[in-house]
């Protein structure tokens, strides 16, 4: 689980989002590189991230939870199938 507080901390220490450290934290490597090269898309992307970062963290955490649930469901199905065979 990723923390909203830590994501905002990274946004703050990366020159108000211009260096994109918060994007690397959320495994958005491609856009993190773009943020470094363009200064947070000339500051506009960094400003938008200020208002959307909380939902970005929520989306990341939701996706990770779904991956875990799918893996668990597949393992249960595999065990059940092998016991029934």
N, C-alpha and C. Protein backbone atom coordinates (compact mmCIF):
# COMPACT_ATOMS: atom_id res chain seq x y z
N UNK A 1 0.84 -1.18 0.00
CA UNK A 1 0.00 0.00 0.00
C UNK A 1 0.88 1.24 0.00
N UNK A 2 0.59 2.11 -0.92
CA UNK A 2 1.31 3.38 -1.02
C UNK A 2 0.59 4.42 -0.17
N UNK A 3 1.37 5.34 0.37
CA UNK A 3 0.85 6.37 1.27
C UNK A 3 0.64 7.69 0.53
N UNK A 4 -0.53 8.30 0.75
CA UNK A 4 -0.79 9.61 0.16
C UNK A 4 0.15 10.66 0.75
N UNK A 5 0.38 10.57 2.05
CA UNK A 5 1.26 11.53 2.70
C UNK A 5 2.67 11.50 2.13
N UNK A 6 3.19 10.29 1.92
CA UNK A 6 4.54 10.17 1.37
C UNK A 6 4.57 10.63 -0.08
N UNK A 7 3.52 10.34 -0.84
CA UNK A 7 3.45 10.79 -2.23
C UNK A 7 3.47 12.32 -2.29
N UNK A 8 2.70 12.97 -1.42
CA UNK A 8 2.71 14.44 -1.39
C UNK A 8 4.06 14.98 -0.90
N UNK A 9 4.70 14.26 0.02
CA UNK A 9 6.04 14.66 0.48
C UNK A 9 7.02 14.63 -0.69
N UNK A 10 6.96 13.55 -1.49
CA UNK A 10 7.83 13.46 -2.67
C UNK A 10 7.52 14.56 -3.67
N UNK A 11 6.24 14.86 -3.84
CA UNK A 11 5.85 15.95 -4.73
C UNK A 11 6.49 17.26 -4.26
N UNK A 12 6.44 17.49 -2.96
CA UNK A 12 6.95 18.73 -2.39
C UNK A 12 8.46 18.84 -2.53
N UNK A 13 9.20 17.78 -2.19
CA UNK A 13 10.66 17.87 -2.23
C UNK A 13 11.22 17.79 -3.65
N UNK A 14 10.38 17.41 -4.61
CA UNK A 14 10.86 17.38 -5.99
C UNK A 14 10.53 18.70 -6.69
N UNK A 15 10.76 19.78 -5.97
CA UNK A 15 10.54 21.14 -6.47
C UNK A 15 9.07 21.30 -6.90
N UNK A 16 8.19 21.02 -5.98
CA UNK A 16 6.74 21.12 -6.20
C UNK A 16 6.30 20.30 -7.41
N UNK A 17 6.85 19.08 -7.51
CA UNK A 17 6.42 18.14 -8.53
C UNK A 17 7.18 18.22 -9.85
N UNK A 18 8.06 19.18 -10.00
CA UNK A 18 8.75 19.36 -11.29
C UNK A 18 9.67 18.19 -11.62
N UNK A 19 10.23 17.52 -10.62
CA UNK A 19 11.14 16.40 -10.88
C UNK A 19 10.42 15.05 -10.95
N UNK A 20 9.17 15.00 -10.56
CA UNK A 20 8.35 13.81 -10.74
C UNK A 20 8.67 12.64 -9.83
N UNK A 21 9.29 12.87 -8.69
CA UNK A 21 9.61 11.76 -7.78
C UNK A 21 8.35 11.00 -7.36
N UNK A 22 7.26 11.71 -7.20
CA UNK A 22 6.00 11.08 -6.81
C UNK A 22 5.52 10.10 -7.89
N UNK A 23 5.83 10.38 -9.14
CA UNK A 23 5.42 9.49 -10.23
C UNK A 23 6.24 8.19 -10.19
N UNK A 24 7.52 8.29 -9.90
CA UNK A 24 8.34 7.08 -9.76
C UNK A 24 7.85 6.24 -8.58
N UNK A 25 7.43 6.88 -7.50
CA UNK A 25 6.89 6.19 -6.32
C UNK A 25 5.67 5.35 -6.69
N UNK A 26 4.85 5.86 -7.62
CA UNK A 26 3.65 5.14 -8.05
C UNK A 26 3.91 4.25 -9.27
N UNK A 27 5.18 4.00 -9.57
CA UNK A 27 5.60 3.14 -10.68
C UNK A 27 5.13 3.66 -12.04
N UNK A 28 5.02 4.98 -12.17
CA UNK A 28 4.72 5.61 -13.45
C UNK A 28 6.05 6.11 -14.02
N UNK A 29 6.88 5.14 -14.42
CA UNK A 29 8.25 5.43 -14.81
C UNK A 29 8.30 6.32 -16.05
N UNK A 30 7.49 6.01 -17.05
CA UNK A 30 7.49 6.79 -18.29
C UNK A 30 7.18 8.25 -18.06
N UNK A 31 6.10 8.51 -17.32
CA UNK A 31 5.75 9.91 -17.07
C UNK A 31 6.72 10.55 -16.08
N UNK A 32 7.32 9.75 -15.21
CA UNK A 32 8.34 10.29 -14.32
C UNK A 32 9.52 10.83 -15.11
N UNK A 33 9.93 10.10 -16.13
CA UNK A 33 11.03 10.56 -16.99
C UNK A 33 10.62 11.83 -17.75
N UNK A 34 9.38 11.84 -18.24
CA UNK A 34 8.88 13.03 -18.94
C UNK A 34 8.88 14.23 -17.99
N UNK A 35 8.47 14.01 -16.72
CA UNK A 35 8.44 15.09 -15.74
C UNK A 35 9.84 15.65 -15.51
N UNK A 36 10.85 14.77 -15.44
CA UNK A 36 12.22 15.23 -15.24
C UNK A 36 12.69 16.06 -16.43
N UNK A 37 12.45 15.56 -17.62
CA UNK A 37 12.95 16.22 -18.83
C UNK A 37 12.25 17.57 -19.07
N UNK A 38 10.95 17.64 -18.80
CA UNK A 38 10.18 18.85 -19.14
C UNK A 38 9.86 19.73 -17.93
N UNK A 39 10.39 19.38 -16.76
CA UNK A 39 10.06 20.19 -15.58
C UNK A 39 8.60 20.07 -15.21
N UNK A 40 8.13 18.84 -15.13
CA UNK A 40 6.71 18.62 -14.78
C UNK A 40 5.79 19.13 -15.85
N UNK A 41 6.15 18.88 -17.11
CA UNK A 41 5.43 19.39 -18.28
C UNK A 41 5.24 20.90 -18.12
N UNK A 42 6.40 21.55 -17.94
CA UNK A 42 6.48 23.01 -17.82
C UNK A 42 5.65 23.54 -16.65
N UNK A 43 5.54 22.73 -15.61
CA UNK A 43 4.84 23.14 -14.40
C UNK A 43 3.37 22.86 -14.39
N UNK A 44 2.77 22.72 -15.56
CA UNK A 44 1.32 22.47 -15.62
C UNK A 44 0.97 21.09 -15.08
N UNK A 45 1.73 20.08 -15.50
CA UNK A 45 1.49 18.72 -15.02
C UNK A 45 1.73 18.59 -13.53
N UNK A 46 2.75 19.28 -13.04
CA UNK A 46 3.05 19.26 -11.62
C UNK A 46 1.91 19.89 -10.82
N UNK A 47 1.35 20.97 -11.33
CA UNK A 47 0.22 21.62 -10.65
C UNK A 47 -1.02 20.73 -10.67
N UNK A 48 -1.29 20.10 -11.78
CA UNK A 48 -2.42 19.18 -11.87
C UNK A 48 -2.24 18.02 -10.89
N UNK A 49 -0.99 17.52 -10.78
CA UNK A 49 -0.72 16.43 -9.83
C UNK A 49 -1.01 16.83 -8.39
N UNK A 50 -0.85 18.09 -8.07
CA UNK A 50 -1.17 18.56 -6.72
C UNK A 50 -2.60 18.21 -6.36
N UNK A 51 -3.51 18.35 -7.32
CA UNK A 51 -4.93 18.11 -7.06
C UNK A 51 -5.37 16.67 -7.32
N UNK A 52 -4.60 15.92 -8.10
CA UNK A 52 -5.01 14.55 -8.45
C UNK A 52 -4.17 13.46 -7.79
N UNK A 53 -3.16 13.84 -7.05
CA UNK A 53 -2.24 12.85 -6.50
C UNK A 53 -2.93 11.87 -5.54
N UNK A 54 -3.85 12.36 -4.75
CA UNK A 54 -4.57 11.47 -3.83
C UNK A 54 -5.32 10.37 -4.56
N UNK A 55 -6.00 10.73 -5.63
CA UNK A 55 -6.74 9.72 -6.39
C UNK A 55 -5.79 8.80 -7.16
N UNK A 56 -4.62 9.32 -7.56
CA UNK A 56 -3.63 8.46 -8.22
C UNK A 56 -3.13 7.38 -7.26
N UNK A 57 -2.90 7.76 -6.01
CA UNK A 57 -2.47 6.79 -4.99
C UNK A 57 -3.59 5.78 -4.74
N UNK A 58 -4.82 6.25 -4.63
CA UNK A 58 -5.96 5.34 -4.44
C UNK A 58 -6.05 4.34 -5.59
N UNK A 59 -5.89 4.81 -6.82
CA UNK A 59 -5.96 3.94 -8.00
C UNK A 59 -4.85 2.91 -7.98
N UNK A 60 -3.64 3.31 -7.63
CA UNK A 60 -2.52 2.37 -7.53
C UNK A 60 -2.83 1.29 -6.50
N UNK A 61 -3.29 1.71 -5.31
CA UNK A 61 -3.59 0.75 -4.25
C UNK A 61 -4.72 -0.20 -4.65
N UNK A 62 -5.74 0.31 -5.33
CA UNK A 62 -6.84 -0.54 -5.80
C UNK A 62 -6.33 -1.57 -6.79
N UNK A 63 -5.49 -1.15 -7.73
CA UNK A 63 -4.95 -2.09 -8.72
C UNK A 63 -4.11 -3.18 -8.05
N UNK A 64 -3.32 -2.81 -7.05
CA UNK A 64 -2.50 -3.81 -6.34
C UNK A 64 -3.38 -4.80 -5.58
N UNK A 65 -4.44 -4.31 -4.95
CA UNK A 65 -5.36 -5.19 -4.24
C UNK A 65 -6.05 -6.15 -5.20
N UNK A 66 -6.45 -5.66 -6.37
CA UNK A 66 -7.09 -6.53 -7.37
C UNK A 66 -6.13 -7.61 -7.85
N UNK A 67 -4.86 -7.25 -8.05
CA UNK A 67 -3.87 -8.25 -8.45
C UNK A 67 -3.75 -9.35 -7.40
N UNK A 68 -3.73 -8.94 -6.14
CA UNK A 68 -3.63 -9.90 -5.04
C UNK A 68 -4.86 -10.80 -5.01
N UNK A 69 -6.04 -10.22 -5.16
CA UNK A 69 -7.27 -11.01 -5.15
C UNK A 69 -7.32 -12.00 -6.32
N UNK A 70 -6.89 -11.55 -7.50
CA UNK A 70 -6.88 -12.44 -8.66
C UNK A 70 -5.91 -13.60 -8.46
N UNK A 71 -4.73 -13.30 -7.93
CA UNK A 71 -3.74 -14.34 -7.68
C UNK A 71 -4.28 -15.35 -6.68
N UNK A 72 -4.89 -14.86 -5.61
CA UNK A 72 -5.44 -15.74 -4.60
C UNK A 72 -6.57 -16.59 -5.17
N UNK A 73 -7.45 -15.98 -5.95
CA UNK A 73 -8.55 -16.72 -6.56
C UNK A 73 -8.03 -17.79 -7.50
N UNK A 74 -7.02 -17.48 -8.28
CA UNK A 74 -6.43 -18.47 -9.19
C UNK A 74 -5.79 -19.62 -8.42
N UNK A 75 -5.12 -19.31 -7.32
CA UNK A 75 -4.51 -20.35 -6.50
C UNK A 75 -5.57 -21.25 -5.88
N UNK A 76 -6.66 -20.68 -5.40
CA UNK A 76 -7.75 -21.47 -4.82
C UNK A 76 -8.38 -22.35 -5.88
N UNK A 77 -8.59 -21.79 -7.06
CA UNK A 77 -9.17 -22.57 -8.15
C UNK A 77 -8.25 -23.72 -8.54
N UNK A 78 -6.96 -23.46 -8.56
CA UNK A 78 -6.00 -24.50 -8.92
C UNK A 78 -5.99 -25.62 -7.88
N UNK A 79 -6.01 -25.26 -6.61
CA UNK A 79 -6.04 -26.27 -5.54
C UNK A 79 -7.33 -27.07 -5.59
N UNK A 80 -8.44 -26.40 -5.78
CA UNK A 80 -9.74 -27.08 -5.85
C UNK A 80 -9.79 -28.03 -7.03
N UNK A 81 -9.29 -27.60 -8.17
CA UNK A 81 -9.29 -28.43 -9.36
C UNK A 81 -8.43 -29.68 -9.16
N UNK A 82 -7.26 -29.49 -8.54
CA UNK A 82 -6.39 -30.66 -8.33
C UNK A 82 -6.98 -31.65 -7.34
N UNK A 83 -7.73 -31.18 -6.36
CA UNK A 83 -8.34 -32.07 -5.38
C UNK A 83 -9.53 -32.81 -5.98
N UNK A 84 -10.22 -32.19 -6.93
CA UNK A 84 -11.38 -32.83 -7.54
C UNK A 84 -10.96 -33.85 -8.62
N UNK A 85 -9.76 -33.72 -9.11
CA UNK A 85 -9.32 -34.62 -10.19
C UNK A 85 -8.84 -35.95 -9.67
